[in-house]
Structures are given as structure tokens and as C-alpha cells.
Amino acid sequence: MKKNRAFTLSVVDISNQTIDGTAANLGSKDNTGNVLSLLIFNASITPEICVTPSEVSGNVAAMTNYQNSNPTGARVQANALWDPKFRGAPSTAESGVLGRDSSLLNSNNSYANLVFSFDGRTSKWSNNYSATDAVFGNRGPLFTNQSTGNDGQAAAFPTGAAGWQLLAGSEFGERSQTLQIHGGRNTWEGNIGYNDGHVNFENRADPAEITFQSSAAITLPGSTTATRTIPDNVFVDETNENTDASKRSNAWLRPVGNVVVSNNAGSRSVTVTPWLD
């Protein structure tokens, strides 16, 4: 997919003073840790606010030694634009990430952000003040039609009255630690922040106010086939919005550990590694 550079940290750090980058991996800077660290460096937020008081994971801890000037993890310390040692996900999801200290195992962040390495979602990272564009919130589990190795949706739409179900037998689904942050052991509940600045406490992962229009006919309960407006599960990259991942604009909230960018005949392919727990 082609990537709009106007929405990447490669443009912010265009001379590669903070993290080294080349034309082949410009988008690799666009992970959760770097985005949050840029905000901390500019005093928009603090490291402490990046960890929820309700955190249950032993792999998450606030960063107590954040360097607001001359960060030692930067390529050129005096010209750095953020501290690249700040982690948006544990090291297991950040293997090989540029600028990371491999001895630091924990995440310094509790939250999930809108996955932004896709053209279709770039407008949601602007100030559009939409009350239905989810951009930040508590992280969540895997659901039916997902698997450990693929955070995208495998089937068109979960049929039946039950709707989305937690992925059975999975440590990232029905045994996910994220269920305990605000919900119970069998349900997800959590806070979701929207582009207009308001935050809702949602009691389901597909809130009524978040929907998308399917791009192709899908099979509905009762074996009828049609295109329709579908509730958007914020933790699923629903393939039935568009089969082309670069054009999907649905809400997809995950802490992003690693971003791999590859170029092939002028087309840029982006692969993200979300953190699941």
C-alpha cells in the first residue's frame, strides 16, 4: 500500500536525528511508543499518565527515567525530538524496533491507539472533531474470527444473535488480562476516547455509535445476502469493510510494537505487530 508521509514520525524526524531511518523503513518509526514519547517530550502528557491505575499486567510500568533532553537512546542526542527508549509495548512485540534498549522488558503504556500505518485511517489522526472516530482507549482481547497470528478478521461477519464472542481457549481471547482492567473475567469493558475529545465508558467492544458500511455483500443471519452498515468492533480490523487493507478506515485499536515497511515497485507495504495480552 502507498503510505501518506504527512502523517508519519518520519516527517517529524525527517533528518533521522532521533532514530535512524532510510527510504525503505521510514514508517518503522510509527509505533505507539514513539508517538507517545513525542507527546511526553513536548510536555503534552507525562509518562505517569500513560499507565492506567487499573493496570493488571506485570509487563506494564511507568517510565521513571524519561529523558526530556539529550536522550541517550537517540542517534544525535542534542537534536533528538523524543526519548526513543520509551516503550509502547513489551519487548516481545518490539523485537528489532529502532532505538530500543533490549534490556528493558516492560511496556511503559497501558493503552491502545488507532493503528495509523494505513492510508484509510490518516484522516482520523487529524483534528476532525468526530464524535464517532475512536482514536484511543483501554486495550482489548481477541474475538471470534481472529487468531493469535492474525489480528485481522478471517471471516466476513459473526452470524447469529450472540454477535462477537471472545476467542475460545486463547490466552489473548477469553483468558485475556485486558478483561480484568475494567470488566469481568468473561466480558470486556473500558474507556474509549474519540476525536472530538470526549471519552465514553463502553460496555462492549462494538459500541452502537461506531459503525462502517461493508464494501461487499455479506451473509447475514437467516442466509440473506446484502451490503449493510455494521457495528465496528474496535479491536478487529474487519476485512469486510474493504478487502484492501490500505483503504480500510474502520476503528482498529491496538498498542503497536513493531512496524515493518517494505517497498515493491513503488508500492509501500506496511505490516504492524500489535501487542496482545
C-alpha atoms as a PDB file:
ATOM      1  CA  MET A   1       0.000   0.000   0.000  1.00  0.00           C
ATOM      2  CA  LYS A   2       1.125   3.546  -0.513  1.00  0.00           C
ATOM      3  CA  LYS A   3       1.786   5.473   2.668  1.00  0.00           C
ATOM      4  CA  ASN A   4       0.988   9.135   3.218  1.00  0.00           C
ATOM      5  CA  ARG A   5       4.188  10.531   4.765  1.00  0.00           C
ATOM      6  CA  ALA A   6       2.392  13.614   6.052  1.00  0.00           C
ATOM      7  CA  PHE A   7       1.101  11.549   8.964  1.00  0.00           C
ATOM      8  CA  THR A   8       4.321   9.806   9.982  1.00  0.00           C
ATOM      9  CA  LEU A   9       7.055  10.440  12.512  1.00  0.00           C
ATOM     10  CA  SER A  10       9.472  10.066   9.610  1.00  0.00           C
ATOM     11  CA  VAL A  11       8.442  13.584   8.609  1.00  0.00           C
ATOM     12  CA  VAL A  12       8.775  14.889  12.174  1.00  0.00           C
ATOM     13  CA  ASP A  13      12.237  13.322  12.394  1.00  0.00           C
ATOM     14  CA  ILE A  14      12.991  13.842   8.713  1.00  0.00           C
ATOM     15  CA  SER A  15      16.762  14.160   9.191  1.00  0.00           C
ATOM     16  CA  ASN A  16      16.887  10.983  11.334  1.00  0.00           C
ATOM     17  CA  GLN A  17      18.359  12.746  14.356  1.00  0.00           C
ATOM     18  CA  THR A  18      16.231  10.764  16.834  1.00  0.00           C
ATOM     19  CA  ILE A  19      16.111   7.367  15.125  1.00  0.00           C
ATOM     20  CA  ASP A  20      18.000   6.292  12.055  1.00  0.00           C
ATOM     21  CA  GLY A  21      15.783   5.681   9.045  1.00  0.00           C
ATOM     22  CA  THR A  22      16.050   5.062   5.344  1.00  0.00           C
ATOM     23  CA  ALA A  23      13.695   5.241   2.402  1.00  0.00           C
ATOM     24  CA  ALA A  24      12.973   1.543   2.914  1.00  0.00           C
ATOM     25  CA  ASN A  25      11.840   1.768   6.535  1.00  0.00           C
ATOM     26  CA  LEU A  26      10.529   5.319   7.079  1.00  0.00           C
ATOM     27  CA  GLY A  27       7.260   4.069   8.554  1.00  0.00           C
ATOM     28  CA  SER A  28       9.062   1.907  11.093  1.00  0.00           C
ATOM     29  CA  LYS A  29       9.127   4.928  13.409  1.00  0.00           C
ATOM     30  CA  ASP A  30       5.320   4.933  13.589  1.00  0.00           C
ATOM     31  CA  ASN A  31       4.781   2.717  16.622  1.00  0.00           C
ATOM     32  CA  THR A  32       2.889   3.525  19.814  1.00  0.00           C
ATOM     33  CA  GLY A  33       5.999   4.123  21.903  1.00  0.00           C
ATOM     34  CA  ASN A  34       7.432   6.785  19.598  1.00  0.00           C
ATOM     35  CA  VAL A  35       4.109   8.594  19.229  1.00  0.00           C
ATOM     36  CA  LEU A  36       3.558   8.783  22.994  1.00  0.00           C
ATOM     37  CA  SER A  37       7.195   9.681  23.608  1.00  0.00           C
ATOM     38  CA  LEU A  38       6.905  12.627  21.206  1.00  0.00           C
ATOM     39  CA  LEU A  39       3.935  13.893  23.245  1.00  0.00           C
ATOM     40  CA  ILE A  40       5.861  13.482  26.505  1.00  0.00           C
ATOM     41  CA  PHE A  41       8.931  15.249  25.106  1.00  0.00           C
ATOM     42  CA  ASN A  42       6.731  18.222  24.178  1.00  0.00           C
ATOM     43  CA  ALA A  43       5.065  18.286  27.634  1.00  0.00           C
ATOM     44  CA  SER A  44       1.615  17.386  26.281  1.00  0.00           C
ATOM     45  CA  ILE A  45       1.410  14.384  28.625  1.00  0.00           C
ATOM     46  CA  THR A  46       3.543  12.768  31.336  1.00  0.00           C
ATOM     47  CA  PRO A  47       4.977   9.226  31.479  1.00  0.00           C
ATOM     48  CA  GLU A  48       2.816   8.509  34.531  1.00  0.00           C
ATOM     49  CA  ILE A  49      -0.448   9.218  32.715  1.00  0.00           C
ATOM     50  CA  CYS A  50       0.391   6.530  30.153  1.00  0.00           C
ATOM     51  CA  VAL A  51      -0.258   3.794  32.732  1.00  0.00           C
ATOM     52  CA  THR A  52      -3.805   3.294  33.993  1.00  0.00           C
ATOM     53  CA  PRO A  53      -4.396   2.964  37.754  1.00  0.00           C
ATOM     54  CA  SER A  54      -6.373  -0.169  36.846  1.00  0.00           C
ATOM     55  CA  GLU A  55      -3.412  -1.888  35.167  1.00  0.00           C
ATOM     56  CA  VAL A  56      -3.269  -5.643  35.799  1.00  0.00           C
ATOM     57  CA  SER A  57      -0.291  -6.693  33.698  1.00  0.00           C
ATOM     58  CA  GLY A  58       3.085  -7.266  35.296  1.00  0.00           C
ATOM     59  CA  ASN A  59       4.631  -6.207  31.973  1.00  0.00           C
ATOM     60  CA  VAL A  60       3.474  -2.584  32.297  1.00  0.00           C
ATOM     61  CA  ALA A  61       5.165   0.057  34.440  1.00  0.00           C
ATOM     62  CA  ALA A  62       5.505   3.832  34.223  1.00  0.00           C
ATOM     63  CA  MET A  63       8.860   5.051  32.924  1.00  0.00           C
ATOM     64  CA  THR A  64      10.640   6.787  35.801  1.00  0.00           C
ATOM     65  CA  ASN A  65      13.807   7.818  33.973  1.00  0.00           C
ATOM     66  CA  TYR A  66      12.397   9.540  30.882  1.00  0.00           C
ATOM     67  CA  GLN A  67      14.978  11.924  29.411  1.00  0.00           C
ATOM     68  CA  ASN A  68      13.488  15.235  28.286  1.00  0.00           C
ATOM     69  CA  SER A  69      16.768  16.412  26.802  1.00  0.00           C
ATOM     70  CA  ASN A  70      19.752  14.674  25.201  1.00  0.00           C
ATOM     71  CA  PRO A  71      18.182  11.185  25.484  1.00  0.00           C
ATOM     72  CA  THR A  72      20.892   8.548  25.392  1.00  0.00           C
ATOM     73  CA  GLY A  73      18.905   6.278  23.070  1.00  0.00           C
ATOM     74  CA  ALA A  74      18.793   8.869  20.301  1.00  0.00           C
ATOM     75  CA  ARG A  75      21.046   8.867  17.255  1.00  0.00           C
ATOM     76  CA  VAL A  76      22.062  12.505  17.806  1.00  0.00           C
ATOM     77  CA  GLN A  77      21.256  13.282  21.445  1.00  0.00           C
ATOM     78  CA  ALA A  78      21.373  17.078  21.212  1.00  0.00           C
ATOM     79  CA  ASN A  79      18.892  17.138  18.312  1.00  0.00           C
ATOM     80  CA  ALA A  80      16.516  14.394  19.473  1.00  0.00           C
ATOM     81  CA  LEU A  81      12.781  15.051  19.251  1.00  0.00           C
ATOM     82  CA  TRP A  82      11.741  12.342  21.718  1.00  0.00           C
ATOM     83  CA  ASP A  83      13.255   9.725  24.030  1.00  0.00           C
ATOM     84  CA  PRO A  84      13.302   6.556  21.886  1.00  0.00           C
ATOM     85  CA  LYS A  85      13.700   4.303  24.947  1.00  0.00           C
ATOM     86  CA  PHE A  86      10.059   4.854  25.921  1.00  0.00           C
ATOM     87  CA  ARG A  87       8.103   1.670  25.162  1.00  0.00           C
ATOM     88  CA  GLY A  88       4.555   1.490  23.876  1.00  0.00           C
ATOM     89  CA  ALA A  89       4.532  -2.322  24.139  1.00  0.00           C
ATOM     90  CA  PRO A  90       6.634  -5.006  25.858  1.00  0.00           C
ATOM     91  CA  SER A  91       9.841  -6.122  24.169  1.00  0.00           C
ATOM     92  CA  THR A  92       8.184  -9.270  22.824  1.00  0.00           C
ATOM     93  CA  ALA A  93       6.200  -7.023  20.456  1.00  0.00           C
ATOM     94  CA  GLU A  94       9.109  -4.679  19.805  1.00  0.00           C
ATOM     95  CA  SER A  95      11.852  -7.051  18.761  1.00  0.00           C
ATOM     96  CA  GLY A  96      14.153  -5.213  16.399  1.00  0.00           C
ATOM     97  CA  VAL A  97      12.479  -1.824  16.847  1.00  0.00           C
ATOM     98  CA  LEU A  98      14.865   1.014  16.094  1.00  0.00           C
ATOM     99  CA  GLY A  99      16.278   2.772  19.149  1.00  0.00           C
ATOM    100  CA  ARG A 100      15.040   0.291  21.749  1.00  0.00           C
ATOM    101  CA  ASP A 101      17.129  -0.949  24.664  1.00  0.00           C
ATOM    102  CA  SER A 102      16.759  -4.743  24.613  1.00  0.00           C
ATOM    103  CA  SER A 103      17.370  -4.916  28.370  1.00  0.00           C
ATOM    104  CA  LEU A 104      14.063  -3.102  29.044  1.00  0.00           C
ATOM    105  CA  LEU A 105      11.349  -5.748  29.040  1.00  0.00           C
ATOM    106  CA  ASN A 106       8.311  -3.787  30.177  1.00  0.00           C
ATOM    107  CA  SER A 107       5.856  -1.572  28.371  1.00  0.00           C
ATOM    108  CA  ASN A 108       5.533   1.995  29.634  1.00  0.00           C
ATOM    109  CA  ASN A 109       1.999   2.235  28.256  1.00  0.00           C
ATOM    110  CA  SER A 110      -1.355   0.680  29.163  1.00  0.00           C
ATOM    111  CA  TYR A 111      -3.432   1.880  26.243  1.00  0.00           C
ATOM    112  CA  ALA A 112      -4.389   1.078  22.674  1.00  0.00           C
ATOM    113  CA  ASN A 113      -4.295   3.628  19.883  1.00  0.00           C
ATOM    114  CA  LEU A 114      -5.831   3.758  16.426  1.00  0.00           C
ATOM    115  CA  VAL A 115      -3.483   1.825  14.166  1.00  0.00           C
ATOM    116  CA  PHE A 116      -2.219   4.586  11.916  1.00  0.00           C
ATOM    117  CA  SER A 117       0.075   2.964   9.351  1.00  0.00           C
ATOM    118  CA  PHE A 118      -2.660   2.777   6.735  1.00  0.00           C
ATOM    119  CA  ASP A 119      -3.796   5.451   4.296  1.00  0.00           C
ATOM    120  CA  GLY A 120      -7.504   4.948   5.005  1.00  0.00           C
ATOM    121  CA  ARG A 121      -7.087   5.976   8.658  1.00  0.00           C
ATOM    122  CA  THR A 122      -4.867   9.037   8.251  1.00  0.00           C
ATOM    123  CA  SER A 123      -7.807  11.461   8.341  1.00  0.00           C
ATOM    124  CA  LYS A 124      -8.746  10.159  11.791  1.00  0.00           C
ATOM    125  CA  TRP A 125      -5.356  11.365  13.070  1.00  0.00           C
ATOM    126  CA  SER A 126      -6.228  14.928  12.125  1.00  0.00           C
ATOM    127  CA  ASN A 127      -8.435  17.247  14.197  1.00  0.00           C
ATOM    128  CA  ASN A 128     -11.711  16.264  12.536  1.00  0.00           C
ATOM    129  CA  TYR A 129     -13.605  16.533  15.867  1.00  0.00           C
ATOM    130  CA  SER A 130     -15.702  13.485  15.037  1.00  0.00           C
ATOM    131  CA  ALA A 131     -17.703  12.137  17.980  1.00  0.00           C
ATOM    132  CA  THR A 132     -17.664   8.647  16.421  1.00  0.00           C
ATOM    133  CA  ASP A 133     -13.999   8.255  15.459  1.00  0.00           C
ATOM    134  CA  ALA A 134     -12.366   6.167  18.188  1.00  0.00           C
ATOM    135  CA  VAL A 135      -8.674   7.026  18.491  1.00  0.00           C
ATOM    136  CA  PHE A 136      -7.518   5.873  21.940  1.00  0.00           C
ATOM    137  CA  GLY A 137      -8.660   3.649  24.773  1.00  0.00           C
ATOM    138  CA  ASN A 138      -8.126   0.669  27.012  1.00  0.00           C
ATOM    139  CA  ARG A 139      -6.608  -2.270  25.165  1.00  0.00           C
ATOM    140  CA  GLY A 140      -8.747  -5.336  24.468  1.00  0.00           C
ATOM    141  CA  PRO A 141      -8.843  -9.073  23.708  1.00  0.00           C
ATOM    142  CA  LEU A 142      -9.175 -11.169  20.560  1.00  0.00           C
ATOM    143  CA  PHE A 143     -12.641 -12.117  19.377  1.00  0.00           C
ATOM    144  CA  THR A 144     -14.181 -14.793  17.163  1.00  0.00           C
ATOM    145  CA  ASN A 145     -12.843 -14.869  13.589  1.00  0.00           C
ATOM    146  CA  GLN A 146      -9.429 -13.806  14.846  1.00  0.00           C
ATOM    147  CA  SER A 147      -6.384 -15.896  15.650  1.00  0.00           C
ATOM    148  CA  THR A 148      -3.173 -15.464  17.608  1.00  0.00           C
ATOM    149  CA  GLY A 149      -1.161 -14.948  14.447  1.00  0.00           C
ATOM    150  CA  ASN A 150      -3.577 -12.670  12.613  1.00  0.00           C
ATOM    151  CA  ASP A 151      -5.263  -9.714  14.225  1.00  0.00           C
ATOM    152  CA  GLY A 152      -7.386  -9.194  11.127  1.00  0.00           C
ATOM    153  CA  GLN A 153     -10.789 -10.757  10.570  1.00  0.00           C
ATOM    154  CA  ALA A 154     -10.786 -14.175   8.935  1.00  0.00           C
ATOM    155  CA  ALA A 155     -14.492 -14.471   8.151  1.00  0.00           C
ATOM    156  CA  ALA A 156     -16.959 -11.909   6.856  1.00  0.00           C
ATOM    157  CA  PHE A 157     -19.103 -11.278   9.922  1.00  0.00           C
ATOM    158  CA  PRO A 158     -20.030 -13.198  13.074  1.00  0.00           C
ATOM    159  CA  THR A 159     -23.528 -14.510  12.462  1.00  0.00           C
ATOM    160  CA  GLY A 160     -26.210 -15.307  14.985  1.00  0.00           C
ATOM    161  CA  ALA A 161     -27.769 -13.333  17.780  1.00  0.00           C
ATOM    162  CA  ALA A 162     -24.718 -13.617  20.021  1.00  0.00           C
ATOM    163  CA  GLY A 163     -22.523 -11.427  17.804  1.00  0.00           C
ATOM    164  CA  TRP A 164     -18.845 -11.110  18.725  1.00  0.00           C
ATOM    165  CA  GLN A 165     -17.577 -13.723  21.146  1.00  0.00           C
ATOM    166  CA  LEU A 166     -14.215 -13.901  22.917  1.00  0.00           C
ATOM    167  CA  LEU A 167     -11.790 -16.223  21.137  1.00  0.00           C
ATOM    168  CA  ALA A 168     -12.300 -19.540  22.902  1.00  0.00           C
ATOM    169  CA  GLY A 169      -9.354 -21.243  24.559  1.00  0.00           C
ATOM    170  CA  SER A 170      -6.977 -18.373  23.844  1.00  0.00           C
ATOM    171  CA  GLU A 171      -4.803 -16.555  26.381  1.00  0.00           C
ATOM    172  CA  PHE A 172      -5.478 -13.464  24.271  1.00  0.00           C
ATOM    173  CA  GLY A 173      -9.214 -14.091  23.992  1.00  0.00           C
ATOM    174  CA  GLU A 174     -11.357 -15.491  26.781  1.00  0.00           C
ATOM    175  CA  ARG A 175      -8.331 -15.569  29.119  1.00  0.00           C
ATOM    176  CA  SER A 176      -7.045 -12.111  28.190  1.00  0.00           C
ATOM    177  CA  GLN A 177      -5.730  -9.938  31.020  1.00  0.00           C
ATOM    178  CA  THR A 178      -7.441  -6.960  29.376  1.00  0.00           C
ATOM    179  CA  LEU A 179     -10.820  -8.224  30.594  1.00  0.00           C
ATOM    180  CA  GLN A 180      -9.743  -7.541  34.178  1.00  0.00           C
ATOM    181  CA  ILE A 181      -8.780  -3.882  33.686  1.00  0.00           C
ATOM    182  CA  HIS A 182     -12.373  -2.679  33.937  1.00  0.00           C
ATOM    183  CA  GLY A 183     -14.591  -5.641  33.102  1.00  0.00           C
ATOM    184  CA  GLY A 184     -15.078  -9.135  34.450  1.00  0.00           C
ATOM    185  CA  ARG A 185     -13.475 -12.418  33.529  1.00  0.00           C
ATOM    186  CA  ASN A 186     -15.943 -13.009  30.693  1.00  0.00           C
ATOM    187  CA  THR A 187     -16.652  -9.559  29.267  1.00  0.00           C
ATOM    188  CA  TRP A 188     -14.702  -6.542  28.045  1.00  0.00           C
ATOM    189  CA  GLU A 189     -15.489  -3.053  29.334  1.00  0.00           C
ATOM    190  CA  GLY A 190     -13.357   0.040  29.079  1.00  0.00           C
ATOM    191  CA  ASN A 191     -12.840   3.694  28.242  1.00  0.00           C
ATOM    192  CA  ILE A 192     -12.717   4.805  24.608  1.00  0.00           C
ATOM    193  CA  GLY A 193     -11.588   8.298  23.616  1.00  0.00           C
ATOM    194  CA  TYR A 194     -12.982   9.944  20.486  1.00  0.00           C
ATOM    195  CA  ASN A 195     -11.603  12.552  18.104  1.00  0.00           C
ATOM    196  CA  ASP A 196     -13.807  15.323  19.493  1.00  0.00           C
ATOM    197  CA  GLY A 197     -12.186  14.893  22.902  1.00  0.00           C
ATOM    198  CA  HIS A 198     -14.939  13.058  24.789  1.00  0.00           C
ATOM    199  CA  VAL A 199     -14.420   9.690  26.491  1.00  0.00           C
ATOM    200  CA  ASN A 200     -17.105   7.056  26.910  1.00  0.00           C
ATOM    201  CA  PHE A 201     -17.064   4.102  29.249  1.00  0.00           C
ATOM    202  CA  GLU A 202     -18.181   1.369  26.847  1.00  0.00           C
ATOM    203  CA  ASN A 203     -19.580  -1.977  27.954  1.00  0.00           C
ATOM    204  CA  ARG A 204     -18.952  -3.714  24.630  1.00  0.00           C
ATOM    205  CA  ALA A 205     -16.183  -3.701  22.026  1.00  0.00           C
ATOM    206  CA  ASP A 206     -18.580  -2.697  19.223  1.00  0.00           C
ATOM    207  CA  PRO A 207     -20.307   0.401  20.656  1.00  0.00           C
ATOM    208  CA  ALA A 208     -23.544   1.445  18.979  1.00  0.00           C
ATOM    209  CA  GLU A 209     -22.109   4.786  17.850  1.00  0.00           C
ATOM    210  CA  ILE A 210     -19.244   3.194  15.851  1.00  0.00           C
ATOM    211  CA  THR A 211     -20.235   1.609  12.532  1.00  0.00           C
ATOM    212  CA  PHE A 212     -18.934   1.115   8.995  1.00  0.00           C
ATOM    213  CA  GLN A 213     -20.510   0.302   5.623  1.00  0.00           C
ATOM    214  CA  SER A 214     -19.495  -3.059   4.191  1.00  0.00           C
ATOM    215  CA  SER A 215     -17.959  -2.755   0.731  1.00  0.00           C
ATOM    216  CA  ALA A 216     -19.280  -6.108  -0.458  1.00  0.00           C
ATOM    217  CA  ALA A 217     -22.328  -8.263   0.122  1.00  0.00           C
ATOM    218  CA  ILE A 218     -22.096 -10.404   3.240  1.00  0.00           C
ATOM    219  CA  THR A 219     -24.169 -13.258   4.584  1.00  0.00           C
ATOM    220  CA  LEU A 220     -26.494 -12.232   7.379  1.00  0.00           C
ATOM    221  CA  PRO A 221     -28.352 -14.390   9.898  1.00  0.00           C
ATOM    222  CA  GLY A 222     -31.088 -16.249   8.030  1.00  0.00           C
ATOM    223  CA  SER A 223     -28.855 -16.804   4.971  1.00  0.00           C
ATOM    224  CA  THR A 224     -29.736 -13.488   3.334  1.00  0.00           C
ATOM    225  CA  THR A 225     -27.017 -11.607   1.456  1.00  0.00           C
ATOM    226  CA  ALA A 226     -26.661  -7.835   1.356  1.00  0.00           C
ATOM    227  CA  THR A 227     -24.379  -4.881   1.987  1.00  0.00           C
ATOM    228  CA  ARG A 228     -25.161  -3.161   5.238  1.00  0.00           C
ATOM    229  CA  THR A 229     -23.990  -0.864   7.991  1.00  0.00           C
ATOM    230  CA  ILE A 230     -22.160  -2.984  10.542  1.00  0.00           C
ATOM    231  CA  PRO A 231     -21.245  -2.335  14.188  1.00  0.00           C
ATOM    232  CA  ASP A 232     -17.493  -1.782  14.331  1.00  0.00           C
ATOM    233  CA  ASN A 233     -15.519  -3.861  16.818  1.00  0.00           C
ATOM    234  CA  VAL A 234     -12.667  -1.526  17.788  1.00  0.00           C
ATOM    235  CA  PHE A 235     -10.290  -4.444  18.363  1.00  0.00           C
ATOM    236  CA  VAL A 236     -10.839  -6.065  14.959  1.00  0.00           C
ATOM    237  CA  ASP A 237      -9.588  -4.901  11.569  1.00  0.00           C
ATOM    238  CA  GLU A 238     -12.746  -6.019   9.770  1.00  0.00           C
ATOM    239  CA  THR A 239     -11.877  -7.177   6.269  1.00  0.00           C
ATOM    240  CA  ASN A 240     -15.464  -6.801   5.078  1.00  0.00           C
ATOM    241  CA  GLU A 241     -15.149  -3.019   5.199  1.00  0.00           C
ATOM    242  CA  ASN A 242     -12.678  -3.315   2.335  1.00  0.00           C
ATOM    243  CA  THR A 243     -10.512  -6.206   1.181  1.00  0.00           C
ATOM    244  CA  ASP A 244      -7.675  -3.725   0.538  1.00  0.00           C
ATOM    245  CA  ALA A 245      -6.111  -3.057   3.956  1.00  0.00           C
ATOM    246  CA  SER A 246      -4.719   0.293   2.813  1.00  0.00           C
ATOM    247  CA  LYS A 247      -8.246   1.604   2.197  1.00  0.00           C
ATOM    248  CA  ARG A 248      -9.859   0.483   5.429  1.00  0.00           C
ATOM    249  CA  SER A 249     -10.835   3.318   7.766  1.00  0.00           C
ATOM    250  CA  ASN A 250     -12.584   1.245  10.434  1.00  0.00           C
ATOM    251  CA  ALA A 251     -11.607   1.679  14.062  1.00  0.00           C
ATOM    252  CA  TRP A 252      -8.769  -0.675  14.994  1.00  0.00           C
ATOM    253  CA  LEU A 253      -7.227  -0.007  18.393  1.00  0.00           C
ATOM    254  CA  ARG A 254      -4.066  -1.841  19.449  1.00  0.00           C
ATOM    255  CA  PRO A 255      -0.776  -0.932  21.117  1.00  0.00           C
ATOM    256  CA  VAL A 256       1.607  -1.174  18.151  1.00  0.00           C
ATOM    257  CA  GLY A 257       5.008  -2.605  18.975  1.00  0.00           C
ATOM    258  CA  ASN A 258       6.722  -3.042  15.651  1.00  0.00           C
ATOM    259  CA  VAL A 259       6.150  -1.596  12.195  1.00  0.00           C
ATOM    260  CA  VAL A 260       7.841  -3.078   9.140  1.00  0.00           C
ATOM    261  CA  VAL A 261       7.744  -1.160   5.888  1.00  0.00           C
ATOM    262  CA  SER A 262       8.805  -2.616   2.556  1.00  0.00           C
ATOM    263  CA  ASN A 263       8.792  -1.129  -0.917  1.00  0.00           C
ATOM    264  CA  ASN A 264       7.996  -3.118  -4.036  1.00  0.00           C
ATOM    265  CA  ALA A 265       7.857  -1.416  -7.428  1.00  0.00           C
ATOM    266  CA  GLY A 266       6.857   1.890  -5.866  1.00  0.00           C
ATOM    267  CA  SER A 267       4.131   0.414  -3.661  1.00  0.00           C
ATOM    268  CA  ARG A 268       4.777   0.525   0.080  1.00  0.00           C
ATOM    269  CA  SER A 269       3.639  -2.422   2.175  1.00  0.00           C
ATOM    270  CA  VAL A 270       3.135  -1.898   5.917  1.00  0.00           C
ATOM    271  CA  THR A 271       2.975  -4.694   8.493  1.00  0.00           C
ATOM    272  CA  VAL A 272       2.242  -3.899  12.133  1.00  0.00           C
ATOM    273  CA  THR A 273       2.807  -6.085  15.187  1.00  0.00           C
ATOM    274  CA  PRO A 274       0.155  -5.354  17.817  1.00  0.00           C
ATOM    275  CA  TRP A 275       0.684  -6.247  21.438  1.00  0.00           C
ATOM    276  CA  LEU A 276      -1.797  -8.835  22.698  1.00  0.00           C
ATOM    277  CA  ASP A 277      -2.168  -9.920  26.314  1.00  0.00           C
END
